[in-house]
């Protein structure tokens, strides 16, 4: 059973992590496919996501088991005083960047949703690759990683080991794409039918 780790941090966008979490958690639980073991990981024991949703991660960076796949969500920006929050803060957090780099070395796939791409870029994982992110973060991604070919009009982009999606709900489509890539389109379709998610056909 493949293990999938989803990173959490304060001000993370809820659907960025909850959408893919649902897709991966439902896969293989019914008629078709192999299930995944999905868990969340964070630097701190309590996370306050966007709109004050309080989440307790399954593991901390210090005790998380190795994952076959890990996902970096987005969410964040700058407050009225210009202070970064969410992914804009975490992309300069050495603890976050070091953990992401370590996971990338051992992972089968590295995924990002929305401005999670900025964290991957700051970790040096998007150099020379194609990528996408939230439409409001395209210029920031280009500035952080000039060698990255940013495909702003793509809902998700497969660059081999690294697969990225555009903003928020696009992470759900990317998760279905990953299921189809690993287990075939029929398994992805069965999962989408169960979730009554009509976009993925």
N, C-alpha and C. Protein backbone atom coordinates (compact mmCIF):
# COMPACT_ATOMS: atom_id res chain seq x y z
N UNK A 1 0.85 -1.20 0.00
CA UNK A 1 0.00 0.00 0.00
C UNK A 1 0.88 1.24 0.00
N UNK A 2 0.71 2.09 -1.00
CA UNK A 2 1.51 3.31 -1.07
C UNK A 2 1.07 4.31 0.00
N UNK A 3 2.04 5.00 0.58
CA UNK A 3 1.76 6.01 1.59
C UNK A 3 1.81 7.39 0.93
N UNK A 4 0.82 8.22 1.25
CA UNK A 4 0.74 9.58 0.71
C UNK A 4 0.71 10.56 1.88
N UNK A 5 1.71 11.43 1.94
CA UNK A 5 1.80 12.45 2.98
C UNK A 5 1.35 13.79 2.41
N UNK A 6 0.48 14.47 3.13
CA UNK A 6 0.01 15.80 2.73
C UNK A 6 0.46 16.79 3.79
N UNK A 7 1.26 17.75 3.38
CA UNK A 7 1.81 18.74 4.30
C UNK A 7 0.75 19.78 4.67
N UNK A 8 0.76 20.17 5.93
CA UNK A 8 -0.12 21.24 6.41
C UNK A 8 0.72 22.35 7.04
N UNK A 9 0.20 23.55 7.02
CA UNK A 9 0.84 24.69 7.68
C UNK A 9 -0.25 25.71 7.97
N UNK A 10 0.01 26.64 8.85
CA UNK A 10 -0.99 27.66 9.18
C UNK A 10 -1.37 28.47 7.95
N UNK A 11 -2.66 28.74 7.82
CA UNK A 11 -3.27 29.45 6.70
C UNK A 11 -3.30 28.64 5.41
N UNK A 12 -3.07 27.34 5.47
CA UNK A 12 -3.19 26.51 4.28
C UNK A 12 -4.63 26.59 3.75
N UNK A 13 -4.77 26.61 2.43
CA UNK A 13 -6.09 26.64 1.80
C UNK A 13 -6.76 25.27 2.02
N UNK A 14 -7.98 25.26 2.56
CA UNK A 14 -8.63 24.02 2.97
C UNK A 14 -8.80 23.05 1.80
N UNK A 15 -9.35 23.51 0.69
CA UNK A 15 -9.60 22.60 -0.43
C UNK A 15 -8.30 22.13 -1.09
N UNK A 16 -7.25 22.91 -0.96
CA UNK A 16 -5.95 22.50 -1.51
C UNK A 16 -5.51 21.14 -0.96
N UNK A 17 -5.73 20.95 0.35
CA UNK A 17 -5.33 19.67 0.94
C UNK A 17 -6.49 18.70 1.08
N UNK A 18 -7.69 19.23 1.38
CA UNK A 18 -8.83 18.34 1.64
C UNK A 18 -9.34 17.68 0.36
N UNK A 19 -9.27 18.38 -0.78
CA UNK A 19 -9.72 17.79 -2.04
C UNK A 19 -8.89 16.57 -2.42
N UNK A 20 -7.57 16.72 -2.57
CA UNK A 20 -6.74 15.55 -2.86
C UNK A 20 -6.80 14.48 -1.76
N UNK A 21 -6.91 14.92 -0.49
CA UNK A 21 -7.03 13.95 0.60
C UNK A 21 -8.24 13.04 0.37
N UNK A 22 -9.36 13.63 -0.01
CA UNK A 22 -10.57 12.85 -0.26
C UNK A 22 -10.38 11.89 -1.44
N UNK A 23 -9.83 12.39 -2.54
CA UNK A 23 -9.63 11.54 -3.72
C UNK A 23 -8.75 10.34 -3.37
N UNK A 24 -7.61 10.60 -2.77
CA UNK A 24 -6.68 9.51 -2.47
C UNK A 24 -7.23 8.57 -1.40
N UNK A 25 -7.99 9.11 -0.45
CA UNK A 25 -8.55 8.27 0.62
C UNK A 25 -9.66 7.35 0.12
N UNK A 26 -10.44 7.80 -0.86
CA UNK A 26 -11.55 7.01 -1.39
C UNK A 26 -11.05 5.94 -2.37
N UNK A 27 -9.98 6.23 -3.07
CA UNK A 27 -9.47 5.29 -4.09
C UNK A 27 -9.22 3.91 -3.52
N UNK A 28 -9.70 2.91 -4.23
CA UNK A 28 -9.43 1.52 -3.85
C UNK A 28 -10.24 0.99 -2.69
N UNK A 29 -11.17 1.77 -2.20
CA UNK A 29 -11.96 1.33 -1.04
C UNK A 29 -13.23 0.59 -1.44
N UNK A 30 -13.49 0.50 -2.76
CA UNK A 30 -14.70 -0.17 -3.19
C UNK A 30 -14.37 -1.32 -4.14
N UNK A 31 -14.78 -1.23 -5.38
CA UNK A 31 -14.66 -2.36 -6.28
C UNK A 31 -13.32 -2.48 -6.97
N UNK A 32 -12.69 -1.35 -7.26
CA UNK A 32 -11.50 -1.36 -8.10
C UNK A 32 -10.32 -0.68 -7.42
N UNK A 33 -9.14 -1.12 -7.79
CA UNK A 33 -7.93 -0.40 -7.39
C UNK A 33 -7.39 -0.77 -6.03
N UNK A 34 -6.18 -0.27 -5.80
CA UNK A 34 -5.50 -0.47 -4.53
C UNK A 34 -5.65 0.78 -3.67
N UNK A 35 -5.94 0.62 -2.39
CA UNK A 35 -6.09 1.79 -1.53
C UNK A 35 -4.74 2.43 -1.20
N UNK A 36 -4.79 3.66 -0.78
CA UNK A 36 -3.61 4.38 -0.31
C UNK A 36 -3.73 4.62 1.20
N UNK A 37 -2.61 4.71 1.86
CA UNK A 37 -2.58 5.18 3.24
C UNK A 37 -2.26 6.67 3.19
N UNK A 38 -3.23 7.49 3.55
CA UNK A 38 -3.09 8.94 3.42
C UNK A 38 -3.00 9.55 4.82
N UNK A 39 -2.03 10.42 5.01
CA UNK A 39 -1.89 11.07 6.31
C UNK A 39 -1.38 12.50 6.12
N UNK A 40 -1.56 13.31 7.16
CA UNK A 40 -1.10 14.70 7.13
C UNK A 40 0.14 14.85 8.01
N UNK A 41 0.96 15.82 7.65
CA UNK A 41 2.22 16.07 8.35
C UNK A 41 2.40 17.58 8.50
N UNK A 42 2.90 18.01 9.64
CA UNK A 42 3.12 19.44 9.85
C UNK A 42 4.29 19.67 10.80
N UNK A 43 4.73 20.89 10.85
CA UNK A 43 5.81 21.25 11.77
C UNK A 43 5.32 21.36 13.20
N UNK A 44 4.04 21.75 13.36
CA UNK A 44 3.47 21.98 14.69
C UNK A 44 2.26 21.07 14.92
N UNK A 45 1.88 20.90 16.17
CA UNK A 45 0.85 19.94 16.54
C UNK A 45 -0.57 20.40 16.21
N UNK A 46 -0.77 21.69 16.04
CA UNK A 46 -2.08 22.22 15.68
C UNK A 46 -1.93 23.19 14.52
N UNK A 47 -2.80 23.05 13.53
CA UNK A 47 -2.78 23.90 12.36
C UNK A 47 -4.09 24.68 12.30
N UNK A 48 -3.97 25.97 12.04
CA UNK A 48 -5.15 26.79 11.81
C UNK A 48 -5.16 27.15 10.33
N UNK A 49 -6.01 26.44 9.59
CA UNK A 49 -6.10 26.64 8.15
C UNK A 49 -6.88 27.91 7.84
N UNK A 50 -7.05 28.19 6.54
CA UNK A 50 -7.80 29.38 6.15
C UNK A 50 -9.20 29.35 6.74
N UNK A 51 -9.72 30.52 7.07
CA UNK A 51 -11.05 30.67 7.64
C UNK A 51 -11.20 29.97 8.98
N UNK A 52 -10.05 29.83 9.68
CA UNK A 52 -10.00 29.36 11.07
C UNK A 52 -10.42 27.91 11.27
N UNK A 53 -10.24 27.07 10.26
CA UNK A 53 -10.45 25.64 10.46
C UNK A 53 -9.25 25.07 11.21
N UNK A 54 -9.50 24.46 12.36
CA UNK A 54 -8.42 23.90 13.18
C UNK A 54 -8.24 22.43 12.82
N UNK A 55 -7.01 22.06 12.53
CA UNK A 55 -6.69 20.70 12.10
C UNK A 55 -5.54 20.16 12.94
N UNK A 56 -5.68 18.91 13.34
CA UNK A 56 -4.58 18.24 14.05
C UNK A 56 -3.90 17.27 13.08
N UNK A 57 -2.66 17.52 12.69
CA UNK A 57 -1.98 16.63 11.74
C UNK A 57 -1.74 15.25 12.34
N UNK A 58 -1.67 14.27 11.46
CA UNK A 58 -1.42 12.90 11.90
C UNK A 58 -0.02 12.76 12.49
N UNK A 59 0.95 13.40 11.84
CA UNK A 59 2.36 13.32 12.27
C UNK A 59 2.99 14.69 12.23
N UNK A 60 4.12 14.79 12.90
CA UNK A 60 4.98 15.96 12.79
C UNK A 60 6.15 15.63 11.86
N UNK A 61 6.85 16.65 11.41
CA UNK A 61 8.03 16.42 10.56
C UNK A 61 9.02 15.48 11.25
N UNK A 62 9.07 15.55 12.58
CA UNK A 62 10.07 14.78 13.33
C UNK A 62 9.74 13.30 13.47
N UNK A 63 8.47 12.91 13.25
CA UNK A 63 8.14 11.48 13.46
C UNK A 63 7.33 10.87 12.32
N UNK A 64 7.22 11.58 11.20
CA UNK A 64 6.44 11.06 10.08
C UNK A 64 7.14 9.90 9.41
N UNK A 65 6.39 8.86 9.03
CA UNK A 65 7.00 7.74 8.31
C UNK A 65 7.34 8.16 6.89
N UNK A 66 8.24 7.45 6.23
CA UNK A 66 8.55 7.76 4.83
C UNK A 66 7.31 7.60 3.97
N UNK A 67 7.15 8.47 2.98
CA UNK A 67 5.99 8.43 2.10
C UNK A 67 6.45 8.16 0.67
N UNK A 68 5.62 7.42 -0.06
CA UNK A 68 5.90 7.18 -1.48
C UNK A 68 5.58 8.42 -2.31
N UNK A 69 4.56 9.16 -1.85
CA UNK A 69 4.10 10.37 -2.54
C UNK A 69 3.88 11.43 -1.48
N UNK A 70 4.30 12.67 -1.76
CA UNK A 70 3.94 13.72 -0.83
C UNK A 70 3.44 14.94 -1.60
N UNK A 71 2.55 15.68 -0.94
CA UNK A 71 1.85 16.79 -1.58
C UNK A 71 2.01 18.05 -0.75
N UNK A 72 2.34 19.14 -1.45
CA UNK A 72 2.47 20.45 -0.82
C UNK A 72 1.33 21.33 -1.30
N UNK A 73 0.37 21.64 -0.43
CA UNK A 73 -0.73 22.53 -0.83
C UNK A 73 -0.30 23.99 -0.77
N UNK A 74 -1.23 24.87 -1.10
CA UNK A 74 -0.93 26.30 -1.06
C UNK A 74 -1.88 27.03 -0.14
N UNK A 75 -2.06 28.31 -0.42
CA UNK A 75 -2.87 29.15 0.43
C UNK A 75 -2.00 30.17 1.13
N UNK A 76 -2.33 31.42 0.97
CA UNK A 76 -1.54 32.45 1.64
C UNK A 76 -1.34 33.66 0.76
N UNK A 77 -0.64 34.61 1.27
CA UNK A 77 -0.39 35.85 0.56
C UNK A 77 0.29 36.83 1.49
N UNK A 78 -0.14 38.08 1.43
CA UNK A 78 0.45 39.13 2.26
C UNK A 78 -0.66 39.90 2.93
N UNK A 79 -0.47 40.22 4.22
CA UNK A 79 -1.49 40.96 4.94
C UNK A 79 -1.40 42.46 4.63
N UNK A 80 -2.21 43.25 5.29
CA UNK A 80 -2.27 44.68 5.01
C UNK A 80 -0.95 45.39 5.28
N UNK A 81 -0.14 44.80 6.15
CA UNK A 81 1.17 45.39 6.47
C UNK A 81 2.29 44.83 5.60
N UNK A 82 1.90 43.98 4.62
CA UNK A 82 2.91 43.40 3.75
C UNK A 82 3.62 42.19 4.32
N UNK A 83 3.11 41.67 5.43
CA UNK A 83 3.73 40.51 6.07
C UNK A 83 3.22 39.23 5.41
N UNK A 84 4.11 38.31 5.03
CA UNK A 84 3.67 37.09 4.35
C UNK A 84 3.00 36.11 5.31
N UNK A 85 2.02 35.38 4.79
CA UNK A 85 1.39 34.32 5.58
C UNK A 85 1.16 33.11 4.68
N UNK A 86 0.89 31.97 5.30
CA UNK A 86 0.65 30.74 4.55
C UNK A 86 1.87 30.33 3.73
N UNK A 87 1.64 29.95 2.49
CA UNK A 87 2.73 29.46 1.64
C UNK A 87 3.78 30.52 1.39
N UNK A 88 3.39 31.79 1.39
CA UNK A 88 4.37 32.87 1.17
C UNK A 88 5.34 32.98 2.34
N UNK A 89 4.89 32.61 3.52
CA UNK A 89 5.79 32.54 4.68
C UNK A 89 6.60 31.25 4.64
N UNK A 90 5.91 30.15 4.37
CA UNK A 90 6.57 28.84 4.42
C UNK A 90 7.64 28.66 3.35
N UNK A 91 7.55 29.41 2.25
CA UNK A 91 8.56 29.25 1.21
C UNK A 91 9.91 29.80 1.67
N UNK A 92 9.92 30.52 2.79
CA UNK A 92 11.17 31.00 3.38
C UNK A 92 11.44 30.38 4.75
N UNK A 93 10.74 29.31 5.05
CA UNK A 93 10.91 28.60 6.32
C UNK A 93 11.91 27.47 6.12
N UNK A 94 13.12 27.57 6.67
CA UNK A 94 14.14 26.54 6.43
C UNK A 94 13.72 25.15 6.89
N UNK A 95 12.92 25.06 7.95
CA UNK A 95 12.47 23.74 8.41
C UNK A 95 11.57 23.10 7.36
N UNK A 96 10.67 23.87 6.81
CA UNK A 96 9.78 23.38 5.75
C UNK A 96 10.60 22.98 4.52
N UNK A 97 11.48 23.85 4.08
CA UNK A 97 12.26 23.58 2.86
C UNK A 97 13.14 22.36 3.01
N UNK A 98 13.76 22.21 4.16
CA UNK A 98 14.62 21.03 4.37
C UNK A 98 13.82 19.75 4.36
N UNK A 99 12.63 19.77 4.98
CA UNK A 99 11.80 18.57 5.01
C UNK A 99 11.31 18.22 3.61
N UNK A 100 10.92 19.23 2.85
CA UNK A 100 10.46 19.02 1.47
C UNK A 100 11.58 18.42 0.63
N UNK A 101 12.79 18.96 0.75
CA UNK A 101 13.92 18.43 -0.01
C UNK A 101 14.19 16.97 0.34
N UNK A 102 14.15 16.65 1.63
CA UNK A 102 14.38 15.28 2.07
C UNK A 102 13.32 14.33 1.52
N UNK A 103 12.07 14.75 1.55
CA UNK A 103 11.00 13.91 1.04
C UNK A 103 11.12 13.69 -0.46
N UNK A 104 11.50 14.75 -1.17
CA UNK A 104 11.63 14.64 -2.62
C UNK A 104 12.67 13.61 -3.03
N UNK A 105 13.75 13.54 -2.28
CA UNK A 105 14.82 12.58 -2.60
C UNK A 105 14.31 11.15 -2.55
N UNK A 106 13.45 10.85 -1.58
CA UNK A 106 13.03 9.47 -1.38
C UNK A 106 11.66 9.15 -1.98
N UNK A 107 10.95 10.18 -2.46
CA UNK A 107 9.58 9.95 -2.94
C UNK A 107 9.54 9.41 -4.36
N UNK A 108 8.44 8.76 -4.67
CA UNK A 108 8.15 8.35 -6.04
C UNK A 108 7.59 9.52 -6.83
N UNK A 109 6.71 10.29 -6.18
CA UNK A 109 6.12 11.48 -6.79
C UNK A 109 6.09 12.62 -5.78
N UNK A 110 6.31 13.83 -6.28
CA UNK A 110 6.17 15.05 -5.50
C UNK A 110 5.06 15.87 -6.15
N UNK A 111 4.05 16.24 -5.37
CA UNK A 111 2.88 16.94 -5.89
C UNK A 111 2.75 18.31 -5.24
N UNK A 112 2.15 19.26 -5.98
CA UNK A 112 1.80 20.53 -5.35
C UNK A 112 0.47 21.02 -5.89
N UNK A 113 -0.20 21.79 -5.07
CA UNK A 113 -1.46 22.43 -5.44
C UNK A 113 -1.29 23.93 -5.22
N UNK A 114 -1.76 24.72 -6.18
CA UNK A 114 -1.82 26.16 -6.00
C UNK A 114 -0.43 26.75 -5.71
N UNK A 115 -0.32 27.58 -4.69
CA UNK A 115 0.96 28.21 -4.38
C UNK A 115 1.92 27.30 -3.62
N UNK A 116 1.56 26.03 -3.47
CA UNK A 116 2.53 25.06 -3.01
C UNK A 116 3.71 25.01 -3.96
N UNK A 117 3.48 25.39 -5.22
CA UNK A 117 4.56 25.44 -6.21
C UNK A 117 5.66 26.40 -5.79
N UNK A 118 5.31 27.47 -5.08
CA UNK A 118 6.32 28.42 -4.64
C UNK A 118 7.27 27.78 -3.64
N UNK A 119 6.74 26.91 -2.79
CA UNK A 119 7.57 26.20 -1.83
C UNK A 119 8.51 25.24 -2.55
N UNK A 120 7.98 24.51 -3.53
CA UNK A 120 8.84 23.62 -4.31
C UNK A 120 9.91 24.40 -5.05
N UNK A 121 9.53 25.55 -5.58
CA UNK A 121 10.50 26.38 -6.31
C UNK A 121 11.61 26.87 -5.39
N UNK A 122 11.24 27.33 -4.21
CA UNK A 122 12.24 27.81 -3.25
C UNK A 122 13.17 26.68 -2.80
N UNK A 123 12.65 25.46 -2.83
CA UNK A 123 13.47 24.30 -2.47
C UNK A 123 14.35 23.85 -3.64
N UNK A 124 14.22 24.53 -4.78
CA UNK A 124 15.04 24.20 -5.94
C UNK A 124 14.57 22.99 -6.71
N UNK A 125 13.31 22.61 -6.54
CA UNK A 125 12.82 21.37 -7.15
C UNK A 125 12.14 21.58 -8.49
N UNK A 126 12.01 22.83 -8.92
CA UNK A 126 11.34 23.10 -10.21
C UNK A 126 12.30 23.61 -11.27
N UNK A 127 13.57 23.64 -10.99
CA UNK A 127 14.54 24.16 -11.95
C UNK A 127 14.49 23.35 -13.25
N UNK A 128 14.25 24.04 -14.36
CA UNK A 128 14.26 23.40 -15.66
C UNK A 128 13.01 22.60 -15.99
N UNK A 129 12.01 22.63 -15.11
CA UNK A 129 10.80 21.84 -15.32
C UNK A 129 9.66 22.72 -15.83
N UNK A 130 8.60 22.07 -16.31
CA UNK A 130 7.35 22.75 -16.57
C UNK A 130 6.53 22.75 -15.29
N UNK A 131 5.74 23.79 -15.09
CA UNK A 131 4.97 23.89 -13.84
C UNK A 131 3.75 24.77 -14.06
N UNK A 132 2.87 24.74 -13.07
CA UNK A 132 1.75 25.67 -13.02
C UNK A 132 1.48 26.01 -11.57
N UNK A 133 0.64 27.00 -11.35
CA UNK A 133 0.28 27.44 -10.00
C UNK A 133 -0.99 28.28 -10.11
N UNK A 134 -1.44 28.83 -9.01
CA UNK A 134 -2.59 29.73 -9.02
C UNK A 134 -2.30 30.92 -9.95
N UNK A 135 -3.31 31.36 -10.67
CA UNK A 135 -3.08 32.42 -11.66
C UNK A 135 -2.53 33.71 -11.03
N UNK A 136 -2.81 33.91 -9.74
CA UNK A 136 -2.31 35.12 -9.08
C UNK A 136 -0.88 34.97 -8.60
N UNK A 137 -0.30 33.78 -8.76
CA UNK A 137 1.07 33.54 -8.30
C UNK A 137 2.03 33.22 -9.45
N UNK A 138 1.55 33.34 -10.68
CA UNK A 138 2.37 32.99 -11.84
C UNK A 138 3.65 33.83 -11.89
N UNK A 139 3.53 35.14 -11.72
CA UNK A 139 4.71 36.00 -11.81
C UNK A 139 5.68 35.73 -10.66
N UNK A 140 5.13 35.44 -9.49
CA UNK A 140 6.00 35.12 -8.35
C UNK A 140 6.79 33.85 -8.62
N UNK A 141 6.14 32.86 -9.21
CA UNK A 141 6.83 31.60 -9.51
C UNK A 141 7.94 31.84 -10.54
N UNK A 142 7.65 32.64 -11.55
CA UNK A 142 8.67 32.95 -12.56
C UNK A 142 9.86 33.68 -11.94
N UNK A 143 9.58 34.54 -10.99
CA UNK A 143 10.65 35.30 -10.34
C UNK A 143 11.51 34.40 -9.45
N UNK A 144 10.86 33.49 -8.73
CA UNK A 144 11.60 32.59 -7.83
C UNK A 144 12.43 31.60 -8.61
N UNK A 145 11.87 31.08 -9.69
CA UNK A 145 12.54 30.03 -10.45
C UNK A 145 12.53 30.38 -11.94
N UNK A 146 13.45 31.24 -12.37
CA UNK A 146 13.44 31.72 -13.76
C UNK A 146 13.59 30.63 -14.81
N UNK A 147 14.20 29.50 -14.44
CA UNK A 147 14.40 28.43 -15.41
C UNK A 147 13.17 27.53 -15.57
N UNK A 148 12.15 27.77 -14.75
CA UNK A 148 10.92 26.98 -14.84
C UNK A 148 10.03 27.51 -15.95
N UNK A 149 9.50 26.62 -16.76
CA UNK A 149 8.56 26.98 -17.82
C UNK A 149 7.15 26.93 -17.23
N UNK A 150 6.61 28.10 -16.87
CA UNK A 150 5.32 28.17 -16.19
C UNK A 150 4.19 28.18 -17.22
N UNK A 151 3.36 27.14 -17.17
CA UNK A 151 2.23 27.00 -18.09
C UNK A 151 0.97 27.48 -17.37
N UNK A 152 0.74 28.76 -17.44
CA UNK A 152 -0.31 29.39 -16.63
C UNK A 152 -1.70 28.95 -17.01
N UNK A 153 -1.89 28.44 -18.23
CA UNK A 153 -3.22 28.07 -18.70
C UNK A 153 -3.55 26.61 -18.47
N UNK A 154 -2.65 25.87 -17.84
CA UNK A 154 -2.86 24.43 -17.63
C UNK A 154 -3.42 24.17 -16.23
N UNK A 155 -4.41 23.26 -16.16
CA UNK A 155 -5.00 22.93 -14.86
C UNK A 155 -4.06 22.07 -14.03
N UNK A 156 -3.30 21.20 -14.68
CA UNK A 156 -2.23 20.48 -14.00
C UNK A 156 -1.15 20.16 -15.02
N UNK A 157 0.07 19.99 -14.52
CA UNK A 157 1.23 19.78 -15.37
C UNK A 157 2.03 18.61 -14.82
N UNK A 158 2.32 17.63 -15.67
CA UNK A 158 3.11 16.47 -15.30
C UNK A 158 4.54 16.67 -15.80
N UNK A 159 5.47 16.85 -14.88
CA UNK A 159 6.88 16.99 -15.23
C UNK A 159 7.67 15.77 -14.81
N UNK A 160 7.03 14.62 -14.83
CA UNK A 160 7.71 13.39 -14.45
C UNK A 160 7.53 13.09 -12.99
N UNK A 161 8.58 13.27 -12.22
CA UNK A 161 8.48 13.00 -10.78
C UNK A 161 7.65 14.07 -10.07
N UNK A 162 7.62 15.27 -10.64
CA UNK A 162 6.89 16.38 -10.04
C UNK A 162 5.63 16.67 -10.85
N UNK A 163 4.49 16.68 -10.18
CA UNK A 163 3.21 16.99 -10.82
C UNK A 163 2.57 18.13 -10.04
N UNK A 164 2.17 19.18 -10.75
CA UNK A 164 1.65 20.38 -10.10
C UNK A 164 0.27 20.73 -10.65
N UNK A 165 -0.52 21.40 -9.82
CA UNK A 165 -1.83 21.86 -10.29
C UNK A 165 -1.95 23.35 -10.09
N UNK A 166 -2.91 23.93 -10.79
CA UNK A 166 -3.25 25.34 -10.61
C UNK A 166 -3.98 25.50 -9.27
N UNK A 167 -4.78 26.55 -9.14
CA UNK A 167 -5.31 26.90 -7.83
C UNK A 167 -6.47 26.07 -7.31
N UNK A 168 -6.46 25.88 -6.03
CA UNK A 168 -7.54 25.38 -5.19
C UNK A 168 -8.21 24.12 -5.74
N UNK A 169 -9.34 24.25 -6.45
CA UNK A 169 -10.08 23.07 -6.91
C UNK A 169 -9.32 22.26 -7.94
N UNK A 170 -8.34 22.86 -8.61
CA UNK A 170 -7.54 22.13 -9.60
C UNK A 170 -6.78 20.98 -8.96
N UNK A 171 -6.54 21.06 -7.66
CA UNK A 171 -5.86 19.97 -6.96
C UNK A 171 -6.65 18.67 -7.00
N UNK A 172 -7.96 18.77 -7.04
CA UNK A 172 -8.80 17.57 -7.14
C UNK A 172 -8.56 16.89 -8.47
N UNK A 173 -8.53 17.66 -9.55
CA UNK A 173 -8.29 17.10 -10.87
C UNK A 173 -6.90 16.49 -10.98
N UNK A 174 -5.93 17.15 -10.38
CA UNK A 174 -4.57 16.61 -10.37
C UNK A 174 -4.51 15.28 -9.62
N UNK A 175 -5.26 15.19 -8.51
CA UNK A 175 -5.27 13.95 -7.74
C UNK A 175 -5.86 12.81 -8.56
N UNK A 176 -6.95 13.07 -9.29
CA UNK A 176 -7.51 12.05 -10.16
C UNK A 176 -6.52 11.66 -11.26
N UNK A 177 -5.80 12.64 -11.78
CA UNK A 177 -4.79 12.36 -12.80
C UNK A 177 -3.72 11.42 -12.24
N UNK A 178 -3.29 11.67 -11.01
CA UNK A 178 -2.28 10.82 -10.38
C UNK A 178 -2.81 9.40 -10.19
N UNK A 179 -4.05 9.27 -9.75
CA UNK A 179 -4.65 7.94 -9.60
C UNK A 179 -4.65 7.22 -10.95
N UNK A 180 -5.06 7.93 -12.00
CA UNK A 180 -5.09 7.32 -13.33
C UNK A 180 -3.69 6.96 -13.80
N UNK A 181 -2.72 7.79 -13.51
CA UNK A 181 -1.32 7.54 -13.90
C UNK A 181 -0.79 6.28 -13.23
N UNK A 182 -1.14 6.10 -11.96
CA UNK A 182 -0.59 4.98 -11.18
C UNK A 182 -1.42 3.70 -11.31
N UNK A 183 -2.75 3.84 -11.45
CA UNK A 183 -3.61 2.66 -11.40
C UNK A 183 -4.53 2.51 -12.60
N UNK A 184 -4.49 3.46 -13.52
CA UNK A 184 -5.32 3.36 -14.71
C UNK A 184 -6.57 4.21 -14.63
N UNK A 185 -7.08 4.58 -15.81
CA UNK A 185 -8.23 5.48 -15.89
C UNK A 185 -9.48 4.87 -15.26
N UNK A 186 -9.64 3.55 -15.36
CA UNK A 186 -10.85 2.92 -14.82
C UNK A 186 -10.96 3.11 -13.32
N UNK A 187 -9.82 3.03 -12.63
CA UNK A 187 -9.83 3.22 -11.17
C UNK A 187 -10.17 4.68 -10.84
N UNK A 188 -9.59 5.62 -11.59
CA UNK A 188 -9.89 7.03 -11.36
C UNK A 188 -11.37 7.32 -11.62
N UNK A 189 -11.91 6.74 -12.67
CA UNK A 189 -13.32 6.96 -13.00
C UNK A 189 -14.25 6.38 -11.92
N UNK A 190 -13.90 5.22 -11.40
CA UNK A 190 -14.73 4.61 -10.36
C UNK A 190 -14.72 5.48 -9.11
N UNK A 191 -13.56 6.03 -8.78
CA UNK A 191 -13.46 6.92 -7.62
C UNK A 191 -14.28 8.19 -7.85
N UNK A 192 -14.20 8.74 -9.06
CA UNK A 192 -14.96 9.95 -9.38
C UNK A 192 -16.46 9.70 -9.32
N UNK A 193 -16.88 8.52 -9.78
CA UNK A 193 -18.31 8.18 -9.72
C UNK A 193 -18.79 8.12 -8.28
N UNK A 194 -17.98 7.50 -7.42
CA UNK A 194 -18.35 7.42 -6.01
C UNK A 194 -18.47 8.81 -5.40
N UNK A 195 -17.53 9.70 -5.76
CA UNK A 195 -17.55 11.06 -5.22
C UNK A 195 -18.57 11.95 -5.93
N UNK A 196 -19.19 11.42 -6.98
CA UNK A 196 -20.10 12.20 -7.83
C UNK A 196 -19.41 13.48 -8.32
N UNK A 197 -18.21 13.27 -8.81
CA UNK A 197 -17.41 14.37 -9.34
C UNK A 197 -17.44 14.28 -10.85
N UNK A 198 -18.22 15.11 -11.47
CA UNK A 198 -18.51 14.97 -12.89
C UNK A 198 -17.44 15.53 -13.80
N UNK A 199 -16.54 16.35 -13.26
CA UNK A 199 -15.52 16.95 -14.13
C UNK A 199 -14.61 15.88 -14.73
N UNK A 200 -14.27 14.88 -13.92
CA UNK A 200 -13.31 13.87 -14.36
C UNK A 200 -14.04 12.78 -15.12
N UNK A 201 -13.92 12.79 -16.44
CA UNK A 201 -14.64 11.81 -17.27
C UNK A 201 -13.69 11.22 -18.29
